[in-house]
Amino acid sequence: MREARLVTAEITGIMPPTTYPILPEALDSLWSALRFHPLRRPQWAWFERYLTGPCAERVVAEHLNYIGPLCLPVVLPGGVQHLRIHWTETEAGR
């Protein structure tokens, strides 16, 4: 399902907003930025499944297409950060 759309992803305080050419690259980067942080086990398992699981790309793409930008809290010992991902508007696509 590789959508040829730019996507921007970030995790506040951990990973700056970065634009990727395809969604799987963004999901991989988000998981790489999160996986070694001290998340509680249920949250770690949830992010692992929904960023790397067999349906991750489809589930996130459907959310972005039908609901819009995705913003999820990331609870860390130092406070709450936010994982954000959205399709990136291009000049040609406006």
PDB file of N, CA and C in Angstrom:
ATOM      1  N   MET A   1       0.824  -1.196   0.000  1.00  0.00           N
ATOM      2  CA  MET A   1       0.000   0.000   0.000  1.00  0.00           C
ATOM      3  C   MET A   1       0.861   1.250   0.000  1.00  0.00           C
ATOM      4  N   ARG A   2       1.998   1.270  -0.484  1.00  0.00           N
ATOM      5  CA  ARG A   2       2.928   2.395  -0.421  1.00  0.00           C
ATOM      6  C   ARG A   2       2.350   3.635  -1.109  1.00  0.00           C
ATOM      7  N   GLU A   3       1.739   4.505  -0.305  1.00  0.00           N
ATOM      8  CA  GLU A   3       1.220   5.751  -0.853  1.00  0.00           C
ATOM      9  C   GLU A   3       2.387   6.662  -1.172  1.00  0.00           C
ATOM     10  N   ALA A   4       2.392   7.236  -2.336  1.00  0.00           N
ATOM     11  CA  ALA A   4       3.462   8.150  -2.738  1.00  0.00           C
ATOM     12  C   ALA A   4       3.092   9.558  -2.290  1.00  0.00           C
ATOM     13  N   ARG A   5       3.029   9.742  -0.981  1.00  0.00           N
ATOM     14  CA  ARG A   5       2.687  11.038  -0.398  1.00  0.00           C
ATOM     15  C   ARG A   5       3.699  11.367   0.670  1.00  0.00           C
ATOM     16  N   LEU A   6       4.056  12.637   0.733  1.00  0.00           N
ATOM     17  CA  LEU A   6       4.947  13.073   1.797  1.00  0.00           C
ATOM     18  C   LEU A   6       4.207  13.043   3.124  1.00  0.00           C
ATOM     19  N   VAL A   7       4.928  12.676   4.169  1.00  0.00           N
ATOM     20  CA  VAL A   7       4.343  12.607   5.498  1.00  0.00           C
ATOM     21  C   VAL A   7       5.332  13.237   6.479  1.00  0.00           C
ATOM     22  N   THR A   8       4.815  13.996   7.430  1.00  0.00           N
ATOM     23  CA  THR A   8       5.653  14.619   8.451  1.00  0.00           C
ATOM     24  C   THR A   8       5.352  13.966   9.790  1.00  0.00           C
ATOM     25  N   ALA A   9       6.427  13.634  10.522  1.00  0.00           N
ATOM     26  CA  ALA A   9       6.286  12.976  11.816  1.00  0.00           C
ATOM     27  C   ALA A   9       7.206  13.649  12.826  1.00  0.00           C
ATOM     28  N   GLU A  10       6.781  13.641  14.090  1.00  0.00           N
ATOM     29  CA  GLU A  10       7.603  14.184  15.173  1.00  0.00           C
ATOM     30  C   GLU A  10       7.178  13.575  16.492  1.00  0.00           C
ATOM     31  N   ILE A  11       8.077  13.650  17.457  1.00  0.00           N
ATOM     32  CA  ILE A  11       7.754  13.357  18.847  1.00  0.00           C
ATOM     33  C   ILE A  11       8.332  14.526  19.626  1.00  0.00           C
ATOM     34  N   THR A  12       7.476  15.341  20.209  1.00  0.00           N
ATOM     35  CA  THR A  12       7.950  16.536  20.903  1.00  0.00           C
ATOM     36  C   THR A  12       9.002  16.159  21.936  1.00  0.00           C
ATOM     37  N   GLY A  13      10.058  16.932  21.993  1.00  0.00           N
ATOM     38  CA  GLY A  13      11.124  16.706  22.956  1.00  0.00           C
ATOM     39  C   GLY A  13      12.048  15.542  22.649  1.00  0.00           C
ATOM     40  N   ILE A  14      11.736  14.751  21.613  1.00  0.00           N
ATOM     41  CA  ILE A  14      12.545  13.579  21.280  1.00  0.00           C
ATOM     42  C   ILE A  14      13.016  13.611  19.825  1.00  0.00           C
ATOM     43  N   MET A  15      12.093  13.859  18.918  1.00  0.00           N
ATOM     44  CA  MET A  15      12.382  13.807  17.484  1.00  0.00           C
ATOM     45  C   MET A  15      11.744  15.027  16.818  1.00  0.00           C
ATOM     46  N   PRO A  16      12.540  15.894  16.190  1.00  0.00           N
ATOM     47  CA  PRO A  16      11.965  17.084  15.568  1.00  0.00           C
ATOM     48  C   PRO A  16      11.088  16.719  14.369  1.00  0.00           C
ATOM     49  N   PRO A  17      10.213  17.634  13.952  1.00  0.00           N
ATOM     50  CA  PRO A  17       9.393  17.363  12.776  1.00  0.00           C
ATOM     51  C   PRO A  17      10.292  17.072  11.569  1.00  0.00           C
ATOM     52  N   THR A  18      10.024  15.948  10.926  1.00  0.00           N
ATOM     53  CA  THR A  18      10.809  15.512   9.781  1.00  0.00           C
ATOM     54  C   THR A  18       9.850  15.038   8.706  1.00  0.00           C
ATOM     55  N   THR A  19      10.136  15.377   7.455  1.00  0.00           N
ATOM     56  CA  THR A  19       9.290  14.956   6.342  1.00  0.00           C
ATOM     57  C   THR A  19       9.921  13.747   5.656  1.00  0.00           C
ATOM     58  N   TYR A  20       9.087  12.762   5.360  1.00  0.00           N
ATOM     59  CA  TYR A  20       9.513  11.508   4.739  1.00  0.00           C
ATOM     60  C   TYR A  20       8.772  11.322   3.421  1.00  0.00           C
ATOM     61  N   PRO A  21       9.401  10.644   2.446  1.00  0.00           N
ATOM     62  CA  PRO A  21       8.748  10.451   1.153  1.00  0.00           C
ATOM     63  C   PRO A  21       7.629   9.410   1.178  1.00  0.00           C
ATOM     64  N   ILE A  22       7.699   8.448   2.108  1.00  0.00           N
ATOM     65  CA  ILE A  22       6.649   7.430   2.217  1.00  0.00           C
ATOM     66  C   ILE A  22       6.374   7.147   3.695  1.00  0.00           C
ATOM     67  N   LEU A  23       5.158   6.715   3.969  1.00  0.00           N
ATOM     68  CA  LEU A  23       4.706   6.475   5.327  1.00  0.00           C
ATOM     69  C   LEU A  23       5.543   5.447   6.094  1.00  0.00           C
ATOM     70  N   PRO A  24       5.928   4.309   5.501  1.00  0.00           N
ATOM     71  CA  PRO A  24       6.706   3.335   6.279  1.00  0.00           C
ATOM     72  C   PRO A  24       8.020   3.906   6.835  1.00  0.00           C
ATOM     73  N   GLU A  25       8.654   4.805   6.119  1.00  0.00           N
ATOM     74  CA  GLU A  25       9.881   5.433   6.630  1.00  0.00           C
ATOM     75  C   GLU A  25       9.584   6.261   7.874  1.00  0.00           C
ATOM     76  N   ALA A  26       8.473   6.971   7.861  1.00  0.00           N
ATOM     77  CA  ALA A  26       8.086   7.774   9.027  1.00  0.00           C
ATOM     78  C   ALA A  26       7.795   6.871  10.222  1.00  0.00           C
ATOM     79  N   LEU A  27       7.064   5.780   9.993  1.00  0.00           N
ATOM     80  CA  LEU A  27       6.740   4.863  11.084  1.00  0.00           C
ATOM     81  C   LEU A  27       8.007   4.233  11.658  1.00  0.00           C
ATOM     82  N   ASP A  28       8.934   3.851  10.795  1.00  0.00           N
ATOM     83  CA  ASP A  28      10.213   3.287  11.260  1.00  0.00           C
ATOM     84  C   ASP A  28      10.978   4.293  12.114  1.00  0.00           C
ATOM     85  N   SER A  29      11.019   5.539  11.679  1.00  0.00           N
ATOM     86  CA  SER A  29      11.738   6.565  12.439  1.00  0.00           C
ATOM     87  C   SER A  29      11.086   6.832  13.785  1.00  0.00           C
ATOM     88  N   LEU A  30       9.763   6.864  13.807  1.00  0.00           N
ATOM     89  CA  LEU A  30       9.060   7.067  15.075  1.00  0.00           C
ATOM     90  C   LEU A  30       9.378   5.939  16.052  1.00  0.00           C
ATOM     91  N   TRP A  31       9.331   4.699  15.581  1.00  0.00           N
ATOM     92  CA  TRP A  31       9.614   3.572  16.464  1.00  0.00           C
ATOM     93  C   TRP A  31      11.072   3.596  16.921  1.00  0.00           C
ATOM     94  N   SER A  32      11.995   3.912  16.010  1.00  0.00           N
ATOM     95  CA  SER A  32      13.413   3.992  16.387  1.00  0.00           C
ATOM     96  C   SER A  32      13.639   5.044  17.464  1.00  0.00           C
ATOM     97  N   ALA A  33      12.900   6.146  17.394  1.00  0.00           N
ATOM     98  CA  ALA A  33      13.050   7.215  18.378  1.00  0.00           C
ATOM     99  C   ALA A  33      12.432   6.844  19.724  1.00  0.00           C
ATOM    100  N   LEU A  34      11.435   5.975  19.728  1.00  0.00           N
ATOM    101  CA  LEU A  34      10.712   5.636  20.961  1.00  0.00           C
ATOM    102  C   LEU A  34      11.193   4.385  21.672  1.00  0.00           C
ATOM    103  N   ARG A  35      11.616   3.397  20.942  1.00  0.00           N
ATOM    104  CA  ARG A  35      11.743   2.048  21.497  1.00  0.00           C
ATOM    105  C   ARG A  35      12.687   1.890  22.674  1.00  0.00           C
ATOM    106  N   PHE A  36      13.667   2.762  22.817  1.00  0.00           N
ATOM    107  CA  PHE A  36      14.589   2.629  23.943  1.00  0.00           C
ATOM    108  C   PHE A  36      14.292   3.604  25.080  1.00  0.00           C
ATOM    109  N   HIS A  37      13.188   4.339  24.969  1.00  0.00           N
ATOM    110  CA  HIS A  37      12.778   5.224  26.059  1.00  0.00           C
ATOM    111  C   HIS A  37      12.022   4.423  27.112  1.00  0.00           C
ATOM    112  N   PRO A  38      12.043   4.882  28.358  1.00  0.00           N
ATOM    113  CA  PRO A  38      11.402   4.113  29.442  1.00  0.00           C
ATOM    114  C   PRO A  38       9.874   4.267  29.457  1.00  0.00           C
ATOM    115  N   LEU A  39       9.230   3.656  28.473  1.00  0.00           N
ATOM    116  CA  LEU A  39       7.766   3.653  28.422  1.00  0.00           C
ATOM    117  C   LEU A  39       7.247   2.532  29.319  1.00  0.00           C
ATOM    118  N   ARG A  40       6.062   2.711  29.852  1.00  0.00           N
ATOM    119  CA  ARG A  40       5.425   1.609  30.578  1.00  0.00           C
ATOM    120  C   ARG A  40       5.134   0.495  29.580  1.00  0.00           C
ATOM    121  N   ARG A  41       5.170  -0.715  30.046  1.00  0.00           N
ATOM    122  CA  ARG A  41       5.035  -1.885  29.168  1.00  0.00           C
ATOM    123  C   ARG A  41       3.802  -1.831  28.266  1.00  0.00           C
ATOM    124  N   PRO A  42       2.592  -1.511  28.762  1.00  0.00           N
ATOM    125  CA  PRO A  42       1.438  -1.478  27.853  1.00  0.00           C
ATOM    126  C   PRO A  42       1.604  -0.446  26.730  1.00  0.00           C
ATOM    127  N   GLN A  43       2.167   0.722  27.065  1.00  0.00           N
ATOM    128  CA  GLN A  43       2.343   1.746  26.041  1.00  0.00           C
ATOM    129  C   GLN A  43       3.436   1.322  25.052  1.00  0.00           C
ATOM    130  N   TRP A  44       4.517   0.732  25.553  1.00  0.00           N
ATOM    131  CA  TRP A  44       5.579   0.254  24.676  1.00  0.00           C
ATOM    132  C   TRP A  44       5.023  -0.773  23.697  1.00  0.00           C
ATOM    133  N   ALA A  45       4.234  -1.725  24.183  1.00  0.00           N
ATOM    134  CA  ALA A  45       3.652  -2.771  23.335  1.00  0.00           C
ATOM    135  C   ALA A  45       2.692  -2.165  22.305  1.00  0.00           C
ATOM    136  N   TRP A  46       1.912  -1.175  22.725  1.00  0.00           N
ATOM    137  CA  TRP A  46       0.968  -0.533  21.799  1.00  0.00           C
ATOM    138  C   TRP A  46       1.720   0.156  20.670  1.00  0.00           C
ATOM    139  N   PHE A  47       2.723   0.972  21.016  1.00  0.00           N
ATOM    140  CA  PHE A  47       3.489   1.661  19.976  1.00  0.00           C
ATOM    141  C   PHE A  47       4.220   0.674  19.078  1.00  0.00           C
ATOM    142  N   GLU A  48       4.784  -0.380  19.652  1.00  0.00           N
ATOM    143  CA  GLU A  48       5.471  -1.381  18.823  1.00  0.00           C
ATOM    144  C   GLU A  48       4.516  -1.967  17.795  1.00  0.00           C
ATOM    145  N   ARG A  49       3.331  -2.346  18.237  1.00  0.00           N
ATOM    146  CA  ARG A  49       2.360  -2.959  17.322  1.00  0.00           C
ATOM    147  C   ARG A  49       1.876  -1.987  16.251  1.00  0.00           C
ATOM    148  N   TYR A  50       1.544  -0.768  16.664  1.00  0.00           N
ATOM    149  CA  TYR A  50       0.945   0.157  15.706  1.00  0.00           C
ATOM    150  C   TYR A  50       1.953   0.950  14.882  1.00  0.00           C
ATOM    151  N   LEU A  51       3.233   0.836  15.176  1.00  0.00           N
ATOM    152  CA  LEU A  51       4.249   1.466  14.330  1.00  0.00           C
ATOM    153  C   LEU A  51       5.026   0.450  13.506  1.00  0.00           C
ATOM    154  N   THR A  52       5.036  -0.830  13.932  1.00  0.00           N
ATOM    155  CA  THR A  52       5.820  -1.832  13.214  1.00  0.00           C
ATOM    156  C   THR A  52       5.024  -3.064  12.811  1.00  0.00           C
ATOM    157  N   GLY A  53       3.818  -3.215  13.290  1.00  0.00           N
ATOM    158  CA  GLY A  53       3.033  -4.422  13.028  1.00  0.00           C
ATOM    159  C   GLY A  53       2.686  -4.595  11.559  1.00  0.00           C
ATOM    160  N   PRO A  54       2.148  -5.767  11.201  1.00  0.00           N
ATOM    161  CA  PRO A  54       1.856  -6.069   9.797  1.00  0.00           C
ATOM    162  C   PRO A  54       0.804  -5.155   9.167  1.00  0.00           C
ATOM    163  N   CYS A  55      -0.027  -4.530   9.968  1.00  0.00           N
ATOM    164  CA  CYS A  55      -1.065  -3.637   9.435  1.00  0.00           C
ATOM    165  C   CYS A  55      -0.786  -2.169   9.747  1.00  0.00           C
ATOM    166  N   ALA A  56       0.381  -1.856  10.280  1.00  0.00           N
ATOM    167  CA  ALA A  56       0.678  -0.498  10.736  1.00  0.00           C
ATOM    168  C   ALA A  56       0.484   0.542   9.638  1.00  0.00           C
ATOM    169  N   GLU A  57       1.063   0.296   8.479  1.00  0.00           N
ATOM    170  CA  GLU A  57       0.959   1.277   7.398  1.00  0.00           C
ATOM    171  C   GLU A  57      -0.499   1.509   7.002  1.00  0.00           C
ATOM    172  N   ARG A  58      -1.263   0.433   6.860  1.00  0.00           N
ATOM    173  CA  ARG A  58      -2.663   0.564   6.461  1.00  0.00           C
ATOM    174  C   ARG A  58      -3.471   1.307   7.509  1.00  0.00           C
ATOM    175  N   VAL A  59      -3.298   0.944   8.783  1.00  0.00           N
ATOM    176  CA  VAL A  59      -4.072   1.557   9.866  1.00  0.00           C
ATOM    177  C   VAL A  59      -3.771   3.057   9.970  1.00  0.00           C
ATOM    178  N   VAL A  60      -2.497   3.428   9.933  1.00  0.00           N
ATOM    179  CA  VAL A  60      -2.135   4.842  10.046  1.00  0.00           C
ATOM    180  C   VAL A  60      -2.585   5.609   8.808  1.00  0.00           C
ATOM    181  N   ALA A  61      -2.403   5.046   7.614  1.00  0.00           N
ATOM    182  CA  ALA A  61      -2.833   5.724   6.378  1.00  0.00           C
ATOM    183  C   ALA A  61      -4.344   5.949   6.388  1.00  0.00           C
ATOM    184  N   GLU A  62      -5.109   4.966   6.824  1.00  0.00           N
ATOM    185  CA  GLU A  62      -6.563   5.135   6.890  1.00  0.00           C
ATOM    186  C   GLU A  62      -6.941   6.236   7.873  1.00  0.00           C
ATOM    187  N   HIS A  63      -6.262   6.266   9.013  1.00  0.00           N
ATOM    188  CA  HIS A  63      -6.537   7.336   9.981  1.00  0.00           C
ATOM    189  C   HIS A  63      -6.240   8.700   9.349  1.00  0.00           C
ATOM    190  N   LEU A  64      -5.084   8.839   8.718  1.00  0.00           N
ATOM    191  CA  LEU A  64      -4.708  10.120   8.117  1.00  0.00           C
ATOM    192  C   LEU A  64      -5.658  10.503   6.997  1.00  0.00           C
ATOM    193  N   ASN A  65      -6.110   9.537   6.214  1.00  0.00           N
ATOM    194  CA  ASN A  65      -7.008   9.822   5.092  1.00  0.00           C
ATOM    195  C   ASN A  65      -8.413  10.200   5.533  1.00  0.00           C
ATOM    196  N   TYR A  66      -8.935   9.529   6.558  1.00  0.00           N
ATOM    197  CA  TYR A  66     -10.344   9.699   6.917  1.00  0.00           C
ATOM    198  C   TYR A  66     -10.590  10.563   8.138  1.00  0.00           C
ATOM    199  N   ILE A  67      -9.625  10.611   9.056  1.00  0.00           N
ATOM    200  CA  ILE A  67      -9.813  11.384  10.277  1.00  0.00           C
ATOM    201  C   ILE A  67      -8.928  12.622  10.284  1.00  0.00           C
ATOM    202  N   GLY A  68      -7.709  12.472   9.789  1.00  0.00           N
ATOM    203  CA  GLY A  68      -6.781  13.595   9.747  1.00  0.00           C
ATOM    204  C   GLY A  68      -5.539  13.315  10.562  1.00  0.00           C
ATOM    205  N   PRO A  69      -4.816  14.359  10.931  1.00  0.00           N
ATOM    206  CA  PRO A  69      -3.558  14.183  11.670  1.00  0.00           C
ATOM    207  C   PRO A  69      -3.738  13.323  12.923  1.00  0.00           C
ATOM    208  N   LEU A  70      -2.695  12.563  13.213  1.00  0.00           N
ATOM    209  CA  LEU A  70      -2.696  11.685  14.375  1.00  0.00           C
ATOM    210  C   LEU A  70      -1.805  12.298  15.437  1.00  0.00           C
ATOM    211  N   CYS A  71      -2.330  12.440  16.658  1.00  0.00           N
ATOM    212  CA  CYS A  71      -1.566  12.974  17.783  1.00  0.00           C
ATOM    213  C   CYS A  71      -1.824  12.068  18.981  1.00  0.00           C
ATOM    214  N   LEU A  72      -0.743  11.449  19.490  1.00  0.00           N
ATOM    215  CA  LEU A  72      -0.864  10.515  20.607  1.00  0.00           C
ATOM    216  C   LEU A  72       0.060  10.929  21.744  1.00  0.00           C
ATOM    217  N   PRO A  73      -0.393  10.814  22.992  1.00  0.00           N
ATOM    218  CA  PRO A  73       0.492  11.130  24.111  1.00  0.00           C
ATOM    219  C   PRO A  73       1.534  10.027  24.302  1.00  0.00           C
ATOM    220  N   VAL A  74       2.729  10.443  24.665  1.00  0.00           N
ATOM    221  CA  VAL A  74       3.815   9.524  25.001  1.00  0.00           C
ATOM    222  C   VAL A  74       4.185   9.847  26.447  1.00  0.00           C
ATOM    223  N   VAL A  75       3.809   8.965  27.374  1.00  0.00           N
ATOM    224  CA  VAL A  75       4.022   9.215  28.794  1.00  0.00           C
ATOM    225  C   VAL A  75       5.411   8.717  29.185  1.00  0.00           C
ATOM    226  N   LEU A  76       6.271   9.653  29.572  1.00  0.00           N
ATOM    227  CA  LEU A  76       7.636   9.355  29.998  1.00  0.00           C
ATOM    228  C   LEU A  76       7.829   9.839  31.424  1.00  0.00           C
ATOM    229  N   PRO A  77       8.853   9.354  32.120  1.00  0.00           N
ATOM    230  CA  PRO A  77       9.083   9.804  33.500  1.00  0.00           C
ATOM    231  C   PRO A  77       9.196  11.321  33.640  1.00  0.00           C
ATOM    232  N   GLY A  78       9.732  12.011  32.644  1.00  0.00           N
ATOM    233  CA  GLY A  78       9.892  13.461  32.705  1.00  0.00           C
ATOM    234  C   GLY A  78       8.659  14.249  32.324  1.00  0.00           C
ATOM    235  N   GLY A  79       7.615  13.579  31.890  1.00  0.00           N
ATOM    236  CA  GLY A  79       6.396  14.261  31.483  1.00  0.00           C
ATOM    237  C   GLY A  79       5.814  13.664  30.218  1.00  0.00           C
ATOM    238  N   VAL A  80       4.789  14.307  29.709  1.00  0.00           N
ATOM    239  CA  VAL A  80       4.092  13.817  28.519  1.00  0.00           C
ATOM    240  C   VAL A  80       4.620  14.526  27.280  1.00  0.00           C
ATOM    241  N   GLN A  81       5.016  13.756  26.293  1.00  0.00           N
ATOM    242  CA  GLN A  81       5.390  14.268  24.980  1.00  0.00           C
ATOM    243  C   GLN A  81       4.271  13.872  24.024  1.00  0.00           C
ATOM    244  N   HIS A  82       4.355  14.304  22.778  1.00  0.00           N
ATOM    245  CA  HIS A  82       3.306  13.965  21.814  1.00  0.00           C
ATOM    246  C   HIS A  82       3.908  13.446  20.514  1.00  0.00           C
ATOM    247  N   LEU A  83       3.401  12.314  20.053  1.00  0.00           N
ATOM    248  CA  LEU A  83       3.742  11.771  18.754  1.00  0.00           C
ATOM    249  C   LEU A  83       2.737  12.364  17.780  1.00  0.00           C
ATOM    250  N   ARG A  84       3.237  12.981  16.738  1.00  0.00           N
ATOM    251  CA  ARG A  84       2.360  13.607  15.733  1.00  0.00           C
ATOM    252  C   ARG A  84       2.781  13.149  14.353  1.00  0.00           C
ATOM    253  N   ILE A  85       1.781  12.867  13.523  1.00  0.00           N
ATOM    254  CA  ILE A  85       2.048  12.471  12.142  1.00  0.00           C
ATOM    255  C   ILE A  85       0.911  12.984  11.263  1.00  0.00           C
ATOM    256  N   HIS A  86       1.265  13.505  10.102  1.00  0.00           N
ATOM    257  CA  HIS A  86       0.252  14.013   9.178  1.00  0.00           C
ATOM    258  C   HIS A  86       0.797  14.028   7.759  1.00  0.00           C
ATOM    259  N   TRP A  87      -0.128  13.981   6.791  1.00  0.00           N
ATOM    260  CA  TRP A  87       0.283  14.135   5.397  1.00  0.00           C
ATOM    261  C   TRP A  87       0.818  15.545   5.227  1.00  0.00           C
ATOM    262  N   THR A  88       1.843  15.689   4.421  1.00  0.00           N
ATOM    263  CA  THR A  88       2.468  16.991   4.199  1.00  0.00           C
ATOM    264  C   THR A  88       1.925  17.595   2.920  1.00  0.00           C
ATOM    265  N   GLU A  89       1.418  18.789   3.032  1.00  0.00           N
ATOM    266  CA  GLU A  89       0.926  19.504   1.852  1.00  0.00           C
ATOM    267  C   GLU A  89       2.114  19.962   1.023  1.00  0.00           C
ATOM    268  N   THR A  90       1.996  19.836  -0.271  1.00  0.00           N
ATOM    269  CA  THR A  90       3.024  20.342  -1.190  1.00  0.00           C
ATOM    270  C   THR A  90       2.414  21.476  -1.992  1.00  0.00           C
ATOM    271  N   GLU A  91       3.250  22.288  -2.541  1.00  0.00           N
ATOM    272  CA  GLU A  91       2.750  23.401  -3.357  1.00  0.00           C
ATOM    273  C   GLU A  91       1.901  22.881  -4.509  1.00  0.00           C
ATOM    274  N   ALA A  92       2.322  21.778  -5.119  1.00  0.00           N
ATOM    275  CA  ALA A  92       1.586  21.213  -6.241  1.00  0.00           C
ATOM    276  C   ALA A  92       0.258  20.610  -5.804  1.00  0.00           C
ATOM    277  N   GLY A  93       0.196  20.133  -4.555  1.00  0.00           N
ATOM    278  CA  GLY A  93      -1.015  19.469  -4.075  1.00  0.00           C
ATOM    279  C   GLY A  93      -2.043  20.413  -3.486  1.00  0.00           C
ATOM    280  N   ARG A  94      -1.753  21.678  -3.416  1.00  0.00           N
ATOM    281  CA  ARG A  94      -2.712  22.633  -2.839  1.00  0.00           C
ATOM    282  C   ARG A  94      -3.720  23.093  -3.837  1.00  0.00           C
TER     283      ARG A  94
END
